Amino acid sequence: DKAVFIDAITHKKIRCGDLKRDTRKFAAGVQDHLGFKQELTYQLLDSGATVVIAHPDTISISVAIGASINAKIPESNIFVLGDHEVHGIQPYTTLLSIREAEP
């Protein structure tokens, strides 16, 4: 596991696995402690969004569902990245058409 970051002052090395783990822990901390669902609800309402496409991990999809419900976006308009249904939410690939849109 190679170092992906070396602090110039302390010379502390952060390895790829550590960075991935700490990034996910930071994201969970933001979700858990900073009211991420409320912020996402505000952004959905402010933008007039009618569709949400979310990351498939359990925390992200539960936040997306909660914020979408708060923003009056129907669950049928929530999709998950990837090819598989997650917690009853269809993958975005179900929207793929046979044809390609014209530019």
PDB file of N, CA and C in Angstrom:
ATOM      1  N   ASP A   1       0.856  -1.177   0.000  1.00  0.00           N
ATOM      2  CA  ASP A   1       0.000   0.000   0.000  1.00  0.00           C
ATOM      3  C   ASP A   1       0.900   1.238   0.000  1.00  0.00           C
ATOM      4  N   LYS A   2       0.957   1.926  -1.120  1.00  0.00           N
ATOM      5  CA  LYS A   2       1.836   3.088  -1.276  1.00  0.00           C
ATOM      6  C   LYS A   2       1.284   4.323  -0.585  1.00  0.00           C
ATOM      7  N   ALA A   3       2.192   5.193  -0.169  1.00  0.00           N
ATOM      8  CA  ALA A   3       1.790   6.482   0.391  1.00  0.00           C
ATOM      9  C   ALA A   3       1.258   7.349  -0.746  1.00  0.00           C
ATOM     10  N   VAL A   4       0.074   7.942  -0.529  1.00  0.00           N
ATOM     11  CA  VAL A   4      -0.504   8.831  -1.536  1.00  0.00           C
ATOM     12  C   VAL A   4      -0.361  10.289  -1.121  1.00  0.00           C
ATOM     13  N   PHE A   5       0.001  10.509   0.142  1.00  0.00           N
ATOM     14  CA  PHE A   5       0.196  11.857   0.652  1.00  0.00           C
ATOM     15  C   PHE A   5       1.258  11.802   1.736  1.00  0.00           C
ATOM     16  N   ILE A   6       2.197  12.734   1.678  1.00  0.00           N
ATOM     17  CA  ILE A   6       3.210  12.863   2.723  1.00  0.00           C
ATOM     18  C   ILE A   6       3.189  14.311   3.187  1.00  0.00           C
ATOM     19  N   ASP A   7       2.912  14.511   4.471  1.00  0.00           N
ATOM     20  CA  ASP A   7       2.860  15.859   5.042  1.00  0.00           C
ATOM     21  C   ASP A   7       4.264  16.453   5.019  1.00  0.00           C
ATOM     22  N   ALA A   8       4.415  17.617   4.409  1.00  0.00           N
ATOM     23  CA  ALA A   8       5.726  18.248   4.257  1.00  0.00           C
ATOM     24  C   ALA A   8       6.339  18.655   5.585  1.00  0.00           C
ATOM     25  N   ILE A   9       5.515  18.924   6.591  1.00  0.00           N
ATOM     26  CA  ILE A   9       6.031  19.376   7.885  1.00  0.00           C
ATOM     27  C   ILE A   9       6.287  18.203   8.818  1.00  0.00           C
ATOM     28  N   THR A  10       5.298  17.346   8.976  1.00  0.00           N
ATOM     29  CA  THR A  10       5.422  16.247   9.936  1.00  0.00           C
ATOM     30  C   THR A  10       5.983  14.974   9.313  1.00  0.00           C
ATOM     31  N   HIS A  11       5.982  14.902   7.996  1.00  0.00           N
ATOM     32  CA  HIS A  11       6.417  13.720   7.239  1.00  0.00           C
ATOM     33  C   HIS A  11       5.506  12.511   7.458  1.00  0.00           C
ATOM     34  N   LYS A  12       4.323  12.762   8.016  1.00  0.00           N
ATOM     35  CA  LYS A  12       3.356  11.678   8.201  1.00  0.00           C
ATOM     36  C   LYS A  12       2.884  11.211   6.829  1.00  0.00           C
ATOM     37  N   LYS A  13       2.839   9.891   6.647  1.00  0.00           N
ATOM     38  CA  LYS A  13       2.410   9.307   5.379  1.00  0.00           C
ATOM     39  C   LYS A  13       0.977   8.795   5.499  1.00  0.00           C
ATOM     40  N   ILE A  14       0.202   9.065   4.472  1.00  0.00           N
ATOM     41  CA  ILE A  14      -1.157   8.526   4.399  1.00  0.00           C
ATOM     42  C   ILE A  14      -1.195   7.583   3.207  1.00  0.00           C
ATOM     43  N   ARG A  15      -1.596   6.371   3.475  1.00  0.00           N
ATOM     44  CA  ARG A  15      -1.647   5.349   2.438  1.00  0.00           C
ATOM     45  C   ARG A  15      -3.030   5.321   1.796  1.00  0.00           C
ATOM     46  N   CYS A  16      -3.112   4.716   0.638  1.00  0.00           N
ATOM     47  CA  CYS A  16      -4.356   4.686  -0.134  1.00  0.00           C
ATOM     48  C   CYS A  16      -5.519   4.130   0.682  1.00  0.00           C
ATOM     49  N   GLY A  17      -5.317   3.013   1.339  1.00  0.00           N
ATOM     50  CA  GLY A  17      -6.379   2.414   2.151  1.00  0.00           C
ATOM     51  C   GLY A  17      -6.819   3.318   3.290  1.00  0.00           C
ATOM     52  N   ASP A  18      -5.844   3.990   3.924  1.00  0.00           N
ATOM     53  CA  ASP A  18      -6.164   4.923   5.011  1.00  0.00           C
ATOM     54  C   ASP A  18      -6.961   6.111   4.488  1.00  0.00           C
ATOM     55  N   LEU A  19      -6.570   6.616   3.332  1.00  0.00           N
ATOM     56  CA  LEU A  19      -7.267   7.758   2.739  1.00  0.00           C
ATOM     57  C   LEU A  19      -8.714   7.388   2.402  1.00  0.00           C
ATOM     58  N   LYS A  20      -8.898   6.216   1.834  1.00  0.00           N
ATOM     59  CA  LYS A  20     -10.251   5.758   1.487  1.00  0.00           C
ATOM     60  C   LYS A  20     -11.104   5.619   2.751  1.00  0.00           C
ATOM     61  N   ARG A  21     -10.548   4.975   3.775  1.00  0.00           N
ATOM     62  CA  ARG A  21     -11.273   4.790   5.032  1.00  0.00           C
ATOM     63  C   ARG A  21     -11.606   6.131   5.684  1.00  0.00           C
ATOM     64  N   ASP A  22     -10.608   7.011   5.775  1.00  0.00           N
ATOM     65  CA  ASP A  22     -10.823   8.300   6.430  1.00  0.00           C
ATOM     66  C   ASP A  22     -11.791   9.187   5.647  1.00  0.00           C
ATOM     67  N   THR A  23     -11.780   9.083   4.327  1.00  0.00           N
ATOM     68  CA  THR A  23     -12.730   9.842   3.508  1.00  0.00           C
ATOM     69  C   THR A  23     -14.149   9.397   3.805  1.00  0.00           C
ATOM     70  N   ARG A  24     -14.355   8.095   3.911  1.00  0.00           N
ATOM     71  CA  ARG A  24     -15.690   7.577   4.233  1.00  0.00           C
ATOM     72  C   ARG A  24     -16.104   7.950   5.655  1.00  0.00           C
ATOM     73  N   LYS A  25     -15.160   7.936   6.587  1.00  0.00           N
ATOM     74  CA  LYS A  25     -15.470   8.335   7.958  1.00  0.00           C
ATOM     75  C   LYS A  25     -15.821   9.819   8.025  1.00  0.00           C
ATOM     76  N   PHE A  26     -15.100  10.632   7.249  1.00  0.00           N
ATOM     77  CA  PHE A  26     -15.404  12.063   7.206  1.00  0.00           C
ATOM     78  C   PHE A  26     -16.803  12.286   6.629  1.00  0.00           C
ATOM     79  N   ALA A  27     -17.115  11.581   5.548  1.00  0.00           N
ATOM     80  CA  ALA A  27     -18.447  11.709   4.940  1.00  0.00           C
ATOM     81  C   ALA A  27     -19.534  11.303   5.932  1.00  0.00           C
ATOM     82  N   ALA A  28     -19.308  10.228   6.675  1.00  0.00           N
ATOM     83  CA  ALA A  28     -20.284   9.792   7.681  1.00  0.00           C
ATOM     84  C   ALA A  28     -20.419  10.832   8.784  1.00  0.00           C
ATOM     85  N   GLY A  29     -19.313  11.438   9.184  1.00  0.00           N
ATOM     86  CA  GLY A  29     -19.367  12.483  10.205  1.00  0.00           C
ATOM     87  C   GLY A  29     -20.172  13.685   9.743  1.00  0.00           C
ATOM     88  N   VAL A  30     -19.987  14.082   8.492  1.00  0.00           N
ATOM     89  CA  VAL A  30     -20.765  15.196   7.933  1.00  0.00           C
ATOM     90  C   VAL A  30     -22.246  14.833   7.922  1.00  0.00           C
ATOM     91  N   GLN A  31     -22.555  13.616   7.480  1.00  0.00           N
ATOM     92  CA  GLN A  31     -23.949  13.172   7.429  1.00  0.00           C
ATOM     93  C   GLN A  31     -24.562  13.111   8.819  1.00  0.00           C
ATOM     94  N   ASP A  32     -23.818  12.584   9.767  1.00  0.00           N
ATOM     95  CA  ASP A  32     -24.362  12.350  11.105  1.00  0.00           C
ATOM     96  C   ASP A  32     -24.435  13.608  11.964  1.00  0.00           C
ATOM     97  N   HIS A  33     -23.489  14.509  11.807  1.00  0.00           N
ATOM     98  CA  HIS A  33     -23.378  15.624  12.741  1.00  0.00           C
ATOM     99  C   HIS A  33     -23.729  16.998  12.170  1.00  0.00           C
ATOM    100  N   LEU A  34     -23.806  17.118  10.864  1.00  0.00           N
ATOM    101  CA  LEU A  34     -24.017  18.438  10.284  1.00  0.00           C
ATOM    102  C   LEU A  34     -25.357  18.579   9.567  1.00  0.00           C
ATOM    103  N   GLY A  35     -26.277  17.674   9.819  1.00  0.00           N
ATOM    104  CA  GLY A  35     -27.610  17.801   9.245  1.00  0.00           C
ATOM    105  C   GLY A  35     -27.629  17.710   7.728  1.00  0.00           C
ATOM    106  N   PHE A  36     -26.931  16.731   7.188  1.00  0.00           N
ATOM    107  CA  PHE A  36     -26.821  16.614   5.735  1.00  0.00           C
ATOM    108  C   PHE A  36     -28.181  16.431   5.067  1.00  0.00           C
ATOM    109  N   LYS A  37     -29.088  15.693   5.705  1.00  0.00           N
ATOM    110  CA  LYS A  37     -30.408  15.497   5.102  1.00  0.00           C
ATOM    111  C   LYS A  37     -31.129  16.830   4.972  1.00  0.00           C
ATOM    112  N   GLN A  38     -31.019  17.680   5.985  1.00  0.00           N
ATOM    113  CA  GLN A  38     -31.658  19.003   5.923  1.00  0.00           C
ATOM    114  C   GLN A  38     -31.044  19.852   4.810  1.00  0.00           C
ATOM    115  N   GLU A  39     -29.734  19.800   4.679  1.00  0.00           N
ATOM    116  CA  GLU A  39     -29.054  20.567   3.633  1.00  0.00           C
ATOM    117  C   GLU A  39     -29.462  20.069   2.254  1.00  0.00           C
ATOM    118  N   LEU A  40     -29.501  18.751   2.081  1.00  0.00           N
ATOM    119  CA  LEU A  40     -29.897  18.191   0.791  1.00  0.00           C
ATOM    120  C   LEU A  40     -31.347  18.549   0.477  1.00  0.00           C
ATOM    121  N   THR A  41     -32.220  18.495   1.479  1.00  0.00           N
ATOM    122  CA  THR A  41     -33.616  18.896   1.279  1.00  0.00           C
ATOM    123  C   THR A  41     -33.674  20.335   0.779  1.00  0.00           C
ATOM    124  N   TYR A  42     -32.925  21.218   1.433  1.00  0.00           N
ATOM    125  CA  TYR A  42     -32.902  22.628   1.020  1.00  0.00           C
ATOM    126  C   TYR A  42     -32.446  22.758  -0.435  1.00  0.00           C
ATOM    127  N   GLN A  43     -31.371  22.056  -0.794  1.00  0.00           N
ATOM    128  CA  GLN A  43     -30.841  22.151  -2.154  1.00  0.00           C
ATOM    129  C   GLN A  43     -31.833  21.617  -3.182  1.00  0.00           C
ATOM    130  N   LEU A  44     -32.521  20.524  -2.846  1.00  0.00           N
ATOM    131  CA  LEU A  44     -33.518  19.965  -3.767  1.00  0.00           C
ATOM    132  C   LEU A  44     -34.669  20.944  -3.971  1.00  0.00           C
ATOM    133  N   LEU A  45     -35.141  21.533  -2.880  1.00  0.00           N
ATOM    134  CA  LEU A  45     -36.236  22.502  -2.975  1.00  0.00           C
ATOM    135  C   LEU A  45     -35.795  23.758  -3.720  1.00  0.00           C
ATOM    136  N   ASP A  46     -34.623  24.273  -3.378  1.00  0.00           N
ATOM    137  CA  ASP A  46     -34.125  25.507  -3.970  1.00  0.00           C
ATOM    138  C   ASP A  46     -33.890  25.367  -5.472  1.00  0.00           C
ATOM    139  N   SER A  47     -33.427  24.201  -5.893  1.00  0.00           N
ATOM    140  CA  SER A  47     -33.123  23.990  -7.311  1.00  0.00           C
ATOM    141  C   SER A  47     -34.347  23.580  -8.120  1.00  0.00           C
ATOM    142  N   GLY A  48     -35.407  23.175  -7.427  1.00  0.00           N
ATOM    143  CA  GLY A  48     -36.588  22.689  -8.140  1.00  0.00           C
ATOM    144  C   GLY A  48     -36.377  21.298  -8.715  1.00  0.00           C
ATOM    145  N   ALA A  49     -35.469  20.545  -8.118  1.00  0.00           N
ATOM    146  CA  ALA A  49     -35.161  19.202  -8.618  1.00  0.00           C
ATOM    147  C   ALA A  49     -36.408  18.322  -8.636  1.00  0.00           C
ATOM    148  N   THR A  50     -36.485  17.472  -9.647  1.00  0.00           N
ATOM    149  CA  THR A  50     -37.595  16.522  -9.745  1.00  0.00           C
ATOM    150  C   THR A  50     -37.103  15.083  -9.764  1.00  0.00           C
ATOM    151  N   VAL A  51     -35.788  14.903  -9.869  1.00  0.00           N
ATOM    152  CA  VAL A  51     -35.181  13.576  -9.914  1.00  0.00           C
ATOM    153  C   VAL A  51     -33.927  13.599  -9.048  1.00  0.00           C
ATOM    154  N   VAL A  52     -33.668  12.485  -8.355  1.00  0.00           N
ATOM    155  CA  VAL A  52     -32.462  12.349  -7.539  1.00  0.00           C
ATOM    156  C   VAL A  52     -31.767  11.056  -7.944  1.00  0.00           C
ATOM    157  N   ILE A  53     -30.462  11.135  -8.165  1.00  0.00           N
ATOM    158  CA  ILE A  53     -29.652   9.943  -8.424  1.00  0.00           C
ATOM    159  C   ILE A  53     -28.599   9.909  -7.329  1.00  0.00           C
ATOM    160  N   ALA A  54     -28.598   8.830  -6.536  1.00  0.00           N
ATOM    161  CA  ALA A  54     -27.763   8.761  -5.335  1.00  0.00           C
ATOM    162  C   ALA A  54     -26.751   7.627  -5.408  1.00  0.00           C
ATOM    163  N   HIS A  55     -25.721   7.749  -4.593  1.00  0.00           N
ATOM    164  CA  HIS A  55     -24.738   6.679  -4.421  1.00  0.00           C
ATOM    165  C   HIS A  55     -25.433   5.512  -3.717  1.00  0.00           C
ATOM    166  N   PRO A  56     -25.078   4.276  -4.049  1.00  0.00           N
ATOM    167  CA  PRO A  56     -25.802   3.134  -3.490  1.00  0.00           C
ATOM    168  C   PRO A  56     -25.487   2.753  -2.045  1.00  0.00           C
ATOM    169  N   ASP A  57     -24.501   3.373  -1.383  1.00  0.00           N
ATOM    170  CA  ASP A  57     -24.239   2.929  -0.016  1.00  0.00           C
ATOM    171  C   ASP A  57     -25.427   3.274   0.885  1.00  0.00           C
ATOM    172  N   THR A  58     -25.577   2.514   1.942  1.00  0.00           N
ATOM    173  CA  THR A  58     -26.770   2.578   2.786  1.00  0.00           C
ATOM    174  C   THR A  58     -27.029   3.970   3.339  1.00  0.00           C
ATOM    175  N   ILE A  59     -25.999   4.658   3.812  1.00  0.00           N
ATOM    176  CA  ILE A  59     -26.198   5.985   4.394  1.00  0.00           C
ATOM    177  C   ILE A  59     -26.623   6.978   3.321  1.00  0.00           C
ATOM    178  N   SER A  60     -25.945   6.977   2.183  1.00  0.00           N
ATOM    179  CA  SER A  60     -26.276   7.926   1.121  1.00  0.00           C
ATOM    180  C   SER A  60     -27.686   7.733   0.608  1.00  0.00           C
ATOM    181  N   ILE A  61     -28.091   6.497   0.394  1.00  0.00           N
ATOM    182  CA  ILE A  61     -29.423   6.255  -0.159  1.00  0.00           C
ATOM    183  C   ILE A  61     -30.494   6.598   0.867  1.00  0.00           C
ATOM    184  N   SER A  62     -30.248   6.333   2.142  1.00  0.00           N
ATOM    185  CA  SER A  62     -31.254   6.678   3.151  1.00  0.00           C
ATOM    186  C   SER A  62     -31.382   8.190   3.296  1.00  0.00           C
ATOM    187  N   VAL A  63     -30.270   8.922   3.204  1.00  0.00           N
ATOM    188  CA  VAL A  63     -30.318  10.384   3.241  1.00  0.00           C
ATOM    189  C   VAL A  63     -31.049  10.904   2.005  1.00  0.00           C
ATOM    190  N   ALA A  64     -30.749  10.340   0.841  1.00  0.00           N
ATOM    191  CA  ALA A  64     -31.399  10.776  -0.402  1.00  0.00           C
ATOM    192  C   ALA A  64     -32.902  10.534  -0.358  1.00  0.00           C
ATOM    193  N   ILE A  65     -33.311   9.378   0.157  1.00  0.00           N
ATOM    194  CA  ILE A  65     -34.743   9.079   0.257  1.00  0.00           C
ATOM    195  C   ILE A  65     -35.417  10.061   1.206  1.00  0.00           C
ATOM    196  N   GLY A  66     -34.833  10.257   2.380  1.00  0.00           N
ATOM    197  CA  GLY A  66     -35.419  11.171   3.359  1.00  0.00           C
ATOM    198  C   GLY A  66     -35.521  12.593   2.842  1.00  0.00           C
ATOM    199  N   ALA A  67     -34.451  13.084   2.226  1.00  0.00           N
ATOM    200  CA  ALA A  67     -34.456  14.448   1.692  1.00  0.00           C
ATOM    201  C   ALA A  67     -35.442  14.577   0.541  1.00  0.00           C
ATOM    202  N   SER A  68     -35.530  13.553  -0.287  1.00  0.00           N
ATOM    203  CA  SER A  68     -36.462  13.585  -1.418  1.00  0.00           C
ATOM    204  C   SER A  68     -37.902  13.617  -0.945  1.00  0.00           C
ATOM    205  N   ILE A  69     -38.212  12.831   0.063  1.00  0.00           N
ATOM    206  CA  ILE A  69     -39.565  12.836   0.629  1.00  0.00           C
ATOM    207  C   ILE A  69     -39.874  14.221   1.191  1.00  0.00           C
ATOM    208  N   ASN A  70     -38.925  14.803   1.928  1.00  0.00           N
ATOM    209  CA  ASN A  70     -39.107  16.152   2.473  1.00  0.00           C
ATOM    210  C   ASN A  70     -39.325  17.183   1.371  1.00  0.00           C
ATOM    211  N   ALA A  71     -38.686  16.967   0.213  1.00  0.00           N
ATOM    212  CA  ALA A  71     -38.791  17.901  -0.912  1.00  0.00           C
ATOM    213  C   ALA A  71     -39.949  17.543  -1.845  1.00  0.00           C
ATOM    214  N   LYS A  72     -40.771  16.573  -1.434  1.00  0.00           N
ATOM    215  CA  LYS A  72     -41.950  16.156  -2.214  1.00  0.00           C
ATOM    216  C   LYS A  72     -41.582  15.545  -3.567  1.00  0.00           C
ATOM    217  N   ILE A  73     -40.410  14.924  -3.634  1.00  0.00           N
ATOM    218  CA  ILE A  73     -40.008  14.194  -4.837  1.00  0.00           C
ATOM    219  C   ILE A  73     -40.437  12.746  -4.631  1.00  0.00           C
ATOM    220  N   PRO A  74     -41.252  12.199  -5.537  1.00  0.00           N
ATOM    221  CA  PRO A  74     -41.734  10.831  -5.335  1.00  0.00           C
ATOM    222  C   PRO A  74     -40.600   9.808  -5.392  1.00  0.00           C
ATOM    223  N   GLU A  75     -40.765   8.733  -4.639  1.00  0.00           N
ATOM    224  CA  GLU A  75     -39.741   7.685  -4.607  1.00  0.00           C
ATOM    225  C   GLU A  75     -39.480   7.128  -6.002  1.00  0.00           C
ATOM    226  N   SER A  76     -40.474   7.172  -6.874  1.00  0.00           N
ATOM    227  CA  SER A  76     -40.296   6.684  -8.246  1.00  0.00           C
ATOM    228  C   SER A  76     -39.313   7.548  -9.037  1.00  0.00           C
ATOM    229  N   ASN A  77     -38.982   8.717  -8.523  1.00  0.00           N
ATOM    230  CA  ASN A  77     -38.029   9.610  -9.184  1.00  0.00           C
ATOM    231  C   ASN A  77     -36.665   9.610  -8.501  1.00  0.00           C
ATOM    232  N   ILE A  78     -36.432   8.626  -7.637  1.00  0.00           N
ATOM    233  CA  ILE A  78     -35.131   8.463  -6.986  1.00  0.00           C
ATOM    234  C   ILE A  78     -34.471   7.245  -7.615  1.00  0.00           C
ATOM    235  N   PHE A  79     -33.229   7.402  -8.021  1.00  0.00           N
ATOM    236  CA  PHE A  79     -32.492   6.313  -8.646  1.00  0.00           C
ATOM    237  C   PHE A  79     -31.139   6.182  -7.966  1.00  0.00           C
ATOM    238  N   VAL A  80     -30.552   5.007  -8.109  1.00  0.00           N
ATOM    239  CA  VAL A  80     -29.269   4.725  -7.488  1.00  0.00           C
ATOM    240  C   VAL A  80     -28.246   4.444  -8.588  1.00  0.00           C
ATOM    241  N   LEU A  81     -27.003   4.879  -8.362  1.00  0.00           N
ATOM    242  CA  LEU A  81     -25.932   4.569  -9.302  1.00  0.00           C
ATOM    243  C   LEU A  81     -25.681   3.067  -9.307  1.00  0.00           C
ATOM    244  N   GLY A  82     -25.232   2.541 -10.412  1.00  0.00           N
ATOM    245  CA  GLY A  82     -24.950   1.115 -10.518  1.00  0.00           C
ATOM    246  C   GLY A  82     -26.033   0.397 -11.297  1.00  0.00           C
ATOM    247  N   ASP A  83     -25.968  -0.918 -11.263  1.00  0.00           N
ATOM    248  CA  ASP A  83     -26.878  -1.745 -12.052  1.00  0.00           C
ATOM    249  C   ASP A  83     -27.901  -2.492 -11.217  1.00  0.00           C
ATOM    250  N   HIS A  84     -27.893  -2.308  -9.895  1.00  0.00           N
ATOM    251  CA  HIS A  84     -28.748  -3.112  -9.027  1.00  0.00           C
ATOM    252  C   HIS A  84     -29.643  -2.241  -8.155  1.00  0.00           C
ATOM    253  N   GLU A  85     -30.831  -2.754  -7.892  1.00  0.00           N
ATOM    254  CA  GLU A  85     -31.764  -2.096  -6.976  1.00  0.00           C
ATOM    255  C   GLU A  85     -31.174  -2.101  -5.566  1.00  0.00           C
ATOM    256  N   VAL A  86     -31.358  -1.007  -4.834  1.00  0.00           N
ATOM    257  CA  VAL A  86     -30.883  -0.901  -3.458  1.00  0.00           C
ATOM    258  C   VAL A  86     -32.023  -0.367  -2.600  1.00  0.00           C
ATOM    259  N   HIS A  87     -32.438  -1.138  -1.603  1.00  0.00           N
ATOM    260  CA  HIS A  87     -33.520  -0.737  -0.693  1.00  0.00           C
ATOM    261  C   HIS A  87     -34.771  -0.295  -1.457  1.00  0.00           C
ATOM    262  N   GLY A  88     -35.090  -1.022  -2.522  1.00  0.00           N
ATOM    263  CA  GLY A  88     -36.288  -0.720  -3.299  1.00  0.00           C
ATOM    264  C   GLY A  88     -36.129   0.411  -4.295  1.00  0.00           C
ATOM    265  N   ILE A  89     -34.941   1.003  -4.369  1.00  0.00           N
ATOM    266  CA  ILE A  89     -34.687   2.097  -5.304  1.00  0.00           C
ATOM    267  C   ILE A  89     -34.065   1.516  -6.574  1.00  0.00           C
ATOM    268  N   GLN A  90     -34.671   1.839  -7.712  1.00  0.00           N
ATOM    269  CA  GLN A  90     -34.220   1.315  -8.998  1.00  0.00           C
ATOM    270  C   GLN A  90     -32.890   1.941  -9.419  1.00  0.00           C
ATOM    271  N   PRO A  91     -32.056   1.172 -10.139  1.00  0.00           N
ATOM    272  CA  PRO A  91     -30.812   1.747 -10.649  1.00  0.00           C
ATOM    273  C   PRO A  91     -31.101   2.727 -11.789  1.00  0.00           C
ATOM    274  N   TYR A  92     -30.221   3.689 -11.950  1.00  0.00           N
ATOM    275  CA  TYR A  92     -30.402   4.677 -13.018  1.00  0.00           C
ATOM    276  C   TYR A  92     -30.438   4.018 -14.388  1.00  0.00           C
ATOM    277  N   THR A  93     -29.841   2.834 -14.501  1.00  0.00           N
ATOM    278  CA  THR A  93     -29.796   2.148 -15.793  1.00  0.00           C
ATOM    279  C   THR A  93     -31.186   1.770 -16.295  1.00  0.00           C
ATOM    280  N   THR A  94     -32.189   1.766 -15.405  1.00  0.00           N
ATOM    281  CA  THR A  94     -33.557   1.481 -15.866  1.00  0.00           C
ATOM    282  C   THR A  94     -34.072   2.614 -16.746  1.00  0.00           C
ATOM    283  N   LEU A  95     -33.409   3.751 -16.726  1.00  0.00           N
ATOM    284  CA  LEU A  95     -33.812   4.890 -17.554  1.00  0.00           C
ATOM    285  C   LEU A  95     -33.183   4.867 -18.947  1.00  0.00           C
ATOM    286  N   LEU A  96     -32.207   3.994 -19.156  1.00  0.00           N
ATOM    287  CA  LEU A  96     -31.525   3.976 -20.449  1.00  0.00           C
ATOM    288  C   LEU A  96     -32.506   3.602 -21.551  1.00  0.00           C
ATOM    289  N   SER A  97     -32.469   4.364 -22.622  1.00  0.00           N
ATOM    290  CA  SER A  97     -33.347   4.149 -23.761  1.00  0.00           C
ATOM    291  C   SER A  97     -32.593   3.392 -24.846  1.00  0.00           C
ATOM    292  N   ILE A  98     -33.331   2.858 -25.797  1.00  0.00           N
ATOM    293  CA  ILE A  98     -32.709   2.194 -26.944  1.00  0.00           C
ATOM    294  C   ILE A  98     -32.047   3.242 -27.836  1.00  0.00           C
ATOM    295  N   ARG A  99     -32.682   4.399 -27.926  1.00  0.00           N
ATOM    296  CA  ARG A  99     -32.160   5.451 -28.808  1.00  0.00           C
ATOM    297  C   ARG A  99     -31.221   6.377 -28.032  1.00  0.00           C
ATOM    298  N   GLU A 100     -30.462   7.151 -28.762  1.00  0.00           N
ATOM    299  CA  GLU A 100     -29.614   8.181 -28.168  1.00  0.00           C
ATOM    300  C   GLU A 100     -30.265   9.534 -28.410  1.00  0.00           C
ATOM    301  N   ALA A 101     -30.189  10.420 -27.433  1.00  0.00           N
ATOM    302  CA  ALA A 101     -30.757  11.758 -27.575  1.00  0.00           C
ATOM    303  C   ALA A 101     -29.962  12.556 -28.600  1.00  0.00           C
ATOM    304  N   GLU A 102     -30.658  13.378 -29.338  1.00  0.00           N
ATOM    305  CA  GLU A 102     -30.001  14.273 -30.296  1.00  0.00           C
ATOM    306  C   GLU A 102     -29.406  15.454 -29.535  1.00  0.00           C
ATOM    307  N   PRO A 103     -28.222  15.905 -29.937  1.00  0.00           N
ATOM    308  CA  PRO A 103     -27.615  17.061 -29.257  1.00  0.00           C
ATOM    309  C   PRO A 103     -28.419  18.336 -29.460  1.00  0.00           C
TER     310      PRO A 103
END
